[in-house]
Amino acid sequence: MPSGFESGATGDGAIAALLFLAAINETMQAYGTLNSSPWTAESFGADDRRASALKEYVAHAVTFSMATSLIAAFVAHGKKATWAIVLGALGTNAYLVWLYSRASERGRAAGASGWANG
């Protein structure tokens, strides 16, 4: 290991970095659990019922991930840790809401409404 590397990977900064990554991971996990994928939303989400369901599940994912990140921030109760957790979750939610919204719009434009309702 290069000299000096160990000293840079300790303390509050290292913990905050891990918490930031954990917040991103937990947010991604919420979407993976509550939604199938942006590809599925784009491929099969053209009709109003499916588009409405997608919005509902995205709202569930945002609510769940932000609630868990706020709890984690409270438990961590350090300024750097709190910001790392909350900003990680907020940034990831912003990206995923945009991604799923774009997928839904593309599905509607393509008219992809078939699949399970044959």
Protein backbone atom coordinates (compact mmCIF):
# COMPACT_ATOMS: atom_id res chain seq x y z
CA MET A 1 0.00 0.00 0.00
CA PRO A 2 1.42 3.45 -0.85
CA SER A 3 2.81 5.44 2.05
CA GLY A 4 0.29 7.84 3.58
CA PHE A 5 -2.74 6.06 2.13
CA GLU A 6 -3.78 4.64 5.48
CA SER A 7 -3.92 8.04 7.14
CA GLY A 8 -6.29 9.37 4.47
CA ALA A 9 -8.78 6.57 5.02
CA THR A 10 -9.61 7.17 8.67
CA GLY A 11 -11.79 9.41 10.80
CA ASP A 12 -14.99 11.30 10.08
CA GLY A 13 -14.20 11.83 6.41
CA ALA A 14 -13.91 8.11 5.73
CA ILE A 15 -17.08 7.37 7.67
CA ALA A 16 -18.94 10.15 5.84
CA ALA A 17 -17.77 8.76 2.50
CA LEU A 18 -19.03 5.29 3.42
CA LEU A 19 -22.35 6.73 4.59
CA PHE A 20 -22.65 8.69 1.34
CA LEU A 21 -22.14 5.49 -0.65
CA ALA A 22 -24.55 3.60 1.62
CA ALA A 23 -27.23 6.27 1.09
CA ILE A 24 -26.82 5.97 -2.67
CA ASN A 25 -26.97 2.18 -2.46
CA GLU A 26 -30.07 2.17 -0.28
CA THR A 27 -31.83 4.57 -2.63
CA MET A 28 -30.96 2.37 -5.60
CA GLN A 29 -32.20 -0.68 -3.67
CA ALA A 30 -35.53 1.04 -2.98
CA TYR A 31 -36.06 1.62 -6.69
CA GLY A 32 -34.96 -1.90 -7.55
CA THR A 33 -37.44 -3.30 -5.06
CA LEU A 34 -40.35 -1.01 -5.82
CA ASN A 35 -39.91 -0.65 -9.60
CA SER A 36 -38.82 -3.09 -12.23
CA SER A 37 -36.55 -0.86 -14.32
CA PRO A 38 -36.58 2.24 -16.51
CA TRP A 39 -36.39 -0.14 -19.49
CA THR A 40 -39.64 -1.83 -18.41
CA ALA A 41 -41.29 1.55 -17.85
CA GLU A 42 -40.26 2.67 -21.32
CA SER A 43 -41.14 -0.60 -23.02
CA PHE A 44 -44.56 -1.22 -21.48
CA GLY A 45 -45.72 2.03 -19.89
CA ALA A 46 -47.63 3.88 -22.58
CA ASP A 47 -51.17 3.57 -21.29
CA ASP A 48 -52.56 5.81 -18.57
CA ARG A 49 -52.98 3.05 -15.99
CA ARG A 50 -49.36 1.92 -16.22
CA ALA A 51 -48.01 5.47 -16.28
CA SER A 52 -50.04 6.26 -13.15
CA ALA A 53 -48.80 3.10 -11.43
CA LEU A 54 -45.20 4.01 -12.30
CA LYS A 55 -45.61 7.46 -10.73
CA GLU A 56 -47.09 5.89 -7.61
CA TYR A 57 -44.21 3.45 -7.18
CA VAL A 58 -41.61 6.14 -7.82
CA ALA A 59 -43.28 8.21 -5.08
CA HIS A 60 -43.11 5.18 -2.75
CA ALA A 61 -39.42 4.74 -3.54
CA VAL A 62 -38.65 8.42 -2.88
CA THR A 63 -40.60 8.40 0.38
CA PHE A 64 -39.02 5.16 1.60
CA SER A 65 -35.47 6.07 0.66
CA MET A 66 -35.68 9.57 2.13
CA ALA A 67 -37.26 8.30 5.35
CA THR A 68 -34.53 5.70 5.80
CA SER A 69 -31.80 8.22 4.96
CA LEU A 70 -33.19 10.70 7.51
CA ILE A 71 -33.26 7.98 10.16
CA ALA A 72 -29.66 7.05 9.30
CA ALA A 73 -28.67 10.72 9.44
CA PHE A 74 -30.27 11.03 12.87
CA VAL A 75 -28.46 7.91 14.12
CA ALA A 76 -25.12 9.14 12.71
CA HIS A 77 -25.76 12.62 14.26
CA GLY A 78 -22.58 14.15 12.96
CA LYS A 79 -22.69 17.20 10.69
CA LYS A 80 -20.55 15.63 7.96
CA ALA A 81 -22.26 12.24 8.22
CA THR A 82 -25.74 13.78 8.18
CA TRP A 83 -25.01 15.80 5.05
CA ALA A 84 -23.34 12.82 3.34
CA ILE A 85 -26.37 10.62 3.94
CA VAL A 86 -29.06 13.15 3.04
CA LEU A 87 -27.27 14.57 -0.01
CA GLY A 88 -26.48 11.07 -1.27
CA ALA A 89 -30.14 10.07 -1.09
CA LEU A 90 -31.42 13.40 -2.49
CA GLY A 91 -29.04 13.36 -5.44
CA THR A 92 -29.79 9.75 -6.26
CA ASN A 93 -33.54 10.34 -5.99
CA ALA A 94 -33.32 13.34 -8.30
CA TYR A 95 -31.48 11.27 -10.90
CA LEU A 96 -33.83 8.28 -10.65
CA VAL A 97 -37.02 10.39 -10.75
CA TRP A 98 -35.68 12.03 -13.91
CA LEU A 99 -34.70 8.65 -15.39
CA TYR A 100 -38.10 7.04 -14.73
CA SER A 101 -39.96 10.13 -15.96
CA ARG A 102 -37.97 10.08 -19.17
CA ALA A 103 -38.63 6.36 -19.59
CA SER A 104 -42.37 6.91 -19.12
CA GLU A 105 -42.39 9.73 -21.69
CA ARG A 106 -40.49 7.59 -24.19
CA GLY A 107 -42.92 4.72 -23.66
CA ARG A 108 -45.88 6.98 -24.31
CA ALA A 109 -44.22 8.39 -27.44
CA ALA A 110 -43.52 4.89 -28.72
CA GLY A 111 -47.02 3.68 -27.90
CA ALA A 112 -45.67 0.69 -26.00
CA SER A 113 -48.80 -0.47 -24.23
CA GLY A 114 -49.10 -4.15 -25.12
CA TRP A 115 -47.47 -7.01 -23.21
CA ALA A 116 -49.45 -8.40 -20.27
CA ASN A 117 -52.97 -7.31 -21.20
CA GLY A 118 -52.89 -9.04 -24.63
